[in-house]
Amino acid sequence: MTDTVFNVTGRIIMRLANTTQTSSGKATLARLRQSIGKNIAQTVEVWPEVFSELPESFLSRTGEPTREEKAIFSSLQFYALHQQAKSESVNSLNKTDNIGQSLKSLRSKDDSKAIDRRFNVLCHFRNKKDNTALDQ
């Protein structure tokens, strides 16, 4: 399998999806949600999850996160946000199940303030730090 951002992210999410009902899996997702709004350098506690599957070609050689690292990190944060309070995995390869539908579903819950806050922080932070991060 070719190492693309999509494939690497998919492998990490599959591993996370298989642990959503365990205490360690729930803790990992919580740490990913708590990392929203922080620079990768400030999130050492989630590095084992983020960097475990990354091929060497994706890793920074300068200390500044690569585009691949940023994309995978953001995707895992979105996954953790989407998975919040769900007993079954939200991971789906169904082409009609997309982030827009997922966010709409999350917002239709009674308490959408926490979701709105995290999503807004995530989008604002990514746009502020790297105007192209969400476009890639």
Protein backbone atom coordinates (compact mmCIF):
# COMPACT_ATOMS: atom_id res chain seq x y z
CA MET A 1 0.00 0.00 0.00
CA THR A 2 1.28 3.43 -0.91
CA ASP A 3 1.92 5.79 1.95
CA THR A 4 -0.42 8.69 1.34
CA VAL A 5 -1.90 11.01 3.95
CA PHE A 6 -5.27 9.34 3.32
CA ASN A 7 -3.91 5.80 3.82
CA VAL A 8 -1.84 6.63 6.89
CA THR A 9 -4.71 8.54 8.50
CA GLY A 10 -7.03 5.64 7.71
CA ARG A 11 -4.74 3.14 9.43
CA ILE A 12 -4.54 5.29 12.56
CA ILE A 13 -8.30 5.84 12.63
CA MET A 14 -8.94 2.10 12.18
CA ARG A 15 -6.70 1.41 15.17
CA LEU A 16 -8.49 4.08 17.22
CA ALA A 17 -11.90 2.78 16.11
CA ASN A 18 -11.02 -0.66 17.45
CA THR A 19 -10.40 0.78 20.91
CA THR A 20 -13.34 3.18 21.34
CA GLN A 21 -14.92 1.02 24.05
CA THR A 22 -11.75 0.59 26.10
CA SER A 23 -10.63 2.98 28.81
CA SER A 24 -7.32 3.58 27.03
CA GLY A 25 -9.13 4.25 23.75
CA LYS A 26 -11.49 6.73 25.39
CA ALA A 27 -8.52 8.44 27.06
CA THR A 28 -6.69 8.70 23.74
CA LEU A 29 -9.72 10.30 22.07
CA ALA A 30 -10.07 12.70 25.00
CA ARG A 31 -6.41 13.70 24.70
CA LEU A 32 -6.89 14.29 20.96
CA ARG A 33 -9.92 16.50 21.66
CA GLN A 34 -7.97 18.38 24.33
CA SER A 35 -5.19 19.01 21.81
CA ILE A 36 -7.54 21.08 19.63
CA GLY A 37 -6.26 24.63 19.40
CA LYS A 38 -2.71 23.69 20.35
CA ASN A 39 0.37 23.48 18.19
CA ILE A 40 1.65 19.95 17.56
CA ALA A 41 4.74 20.80 19.64
CA GLN A 42 2.50 21.39 22.67
CA THR A 43 0.74 18.02 22.45
CA VAL A 44 3.40 15.52 23.45
CA GLU A 45 0.76 13.32 25.14
CA VAL A 46 -0.80 12.42 21.77
CA TRP A 47 2.40 11.93 19.79
CA PRO A 48 2.35 8.13 20.12
CA GLU A 49 -1.05 8.06 18.39
CA VAL A 50 -0.22 10.70 15.79
CA PHE A 51 3.25 9.57 14.81
CA SER A 52 2.95 5.79 15.25
CA GLU A 53 2.06 5.12 11.61
CA LEU A 54 3.85 7.98 9.87
CA PRO A 55 6.45 6.96 7.34
CA GLU A 56 9.82 8.64 7.71
CA SER A 57 9.19 10.69 4.57
CA PHE A 58 6.31 12.48 6.36
CA LEU A 59 8.38 13.44 9.41
CA SER A 60 9.89 16.88 9.86
CA ARG A 61 13.61 17.26 9.62
CA THR A 62 13.58 20.90 10.74
CA GLY A 63 11.39 20.82 13.84
CA GLU A 64 8.53 22.57 12.02
CA PRO A 65 5.58 20.23 11.39
CA THR A 66 5.29 19.05 7.80
CA ARG A 67 2.12 19.41 5.75
CA GLU A 68 1.56 15.68 6.18
CA GLU A 69 1.92 15.87 9.97
CA LYS A 70 -0.51 18.81 10.15
CA ALA A 71 -3.06 17.12 7.90
CA ILE A 72 -2.99 13.84 9.83
CA PHE A 73 -3.04 15.62 13.20
CA SER A 74 -6.06 17.72 12.16
CA SER A 75 -7.87 14.67 10.79
CA LEU A 76 -7.37 12.77 14.03
CA GLN A 77 -8.66 15.73 16.02
CA PHE A 78 -11.77 15.88 13.82
CA TYR A 79 -12.23 12.13 14.24
CA ALA A 80 -11.95 12.41 18.04
CA LEU A 81 -14.44 15.28 18.05
CA HIS A 82 -16.87 13.31 15.88
CA GLN A 83 -16.48 10.14 17.96
CA GLN A 84 -17.29 11.98 21.20
CA ALA A 85 -20.13 10.35 23.18
CA LYS A 86 -20.71 7.70 20.52
CA SER A 87 -20.74 4.05 21.54
CA GLU A 88 -20.19 2.77 18.00
CA SER A 89 -17.35 3.83 15.74
CA VAL A 90 -18.10 6.73 13.43
CA ASN A 91 -15.42 5.52 11.03
CA SER A 92 -17.03 4.84 7.67
CA LEU A 93 -15.81 4.30 4.14
CA ASN A 94 -19.27 5.14 2.84
CA LYS A 95 -18.81 7.94 0.29
CA THR A 96 -22.11 9.57 1.33
CA ASP A 97 -21.03 9.76 4.98
CA ASN A 98 -18.96 12.93 5.07
CA ILE A 99 -17.78 15.49 7.57
CA GLY A 100 -20.58 17.90 6.71
CA GLN A 101 -23.24 15.33 7.54
CA SER A 102 -21.36 14.35 10.66
CA LEU A 103 -21.11 17.92 11.91
CA LYS A 104 -24.80 18.47 11.22
CA SER A 105 -25.59 15.34 13.24
CA LEU A 106 -23.43 16.51 16.13
CA ARG A 107 -25.06 19.96 16.13
CA SER A 108 -28.58 18.54 16.24
CA LYS A 109 -27.98 17.23 19.76
CA ASP A 110 -29.36 19.11 22.75
CA ASP A 111 -25.95 20.32 23.92
CA SER A 112 -24.12 21.53 20.82
CA LYS A 113 -22.19 24.32 22.57
CA ALA A 114 -19.19 22.13 23.39
CA ILE A 115 -19.04 20.82 19.82
CA ASP A 116 -19.35 24.34 18.38
CA ARG A 117 -16.61 25.63 20.66
CA ARG A 118 -14.16 22.85 19.77
CA PHE A 119 -14.91 22.99 16.07
CA ASN A 120 -14.52 26.78 15.98
CA VAL A 121 -11.25 26.63 17.89
CA LEU A 122 -9.95 23.91 15.57
CA CYS A 123 -10.85 25.82 12.40
CA HIS A 124 -9.69 29.18 13.71
CA PHE A 125 -6.39 27.81 14.99
CA ARG A 126 -5.61 25.96 11.78
CA ASN A 127 -6.44 28.98 9.64
CA LYS A 128 -4.48 31.34 11.87
CA LYS A 129 -1.34 29.17 12.03
CA ASP A 130 -1.36 27.96 8.42
CA ASN A 131 -3.81 29.42 5.95
CA THR A 132 -3.48 26.36 3.75
CA ALA A 133 -3.81 23.63 6.39
CA LEU A 134 -7.52 23.02 5.87
CA ASP A 135 -7.31 23.32 2.09
CA GLN A 136 -4.93 20.41 1.62
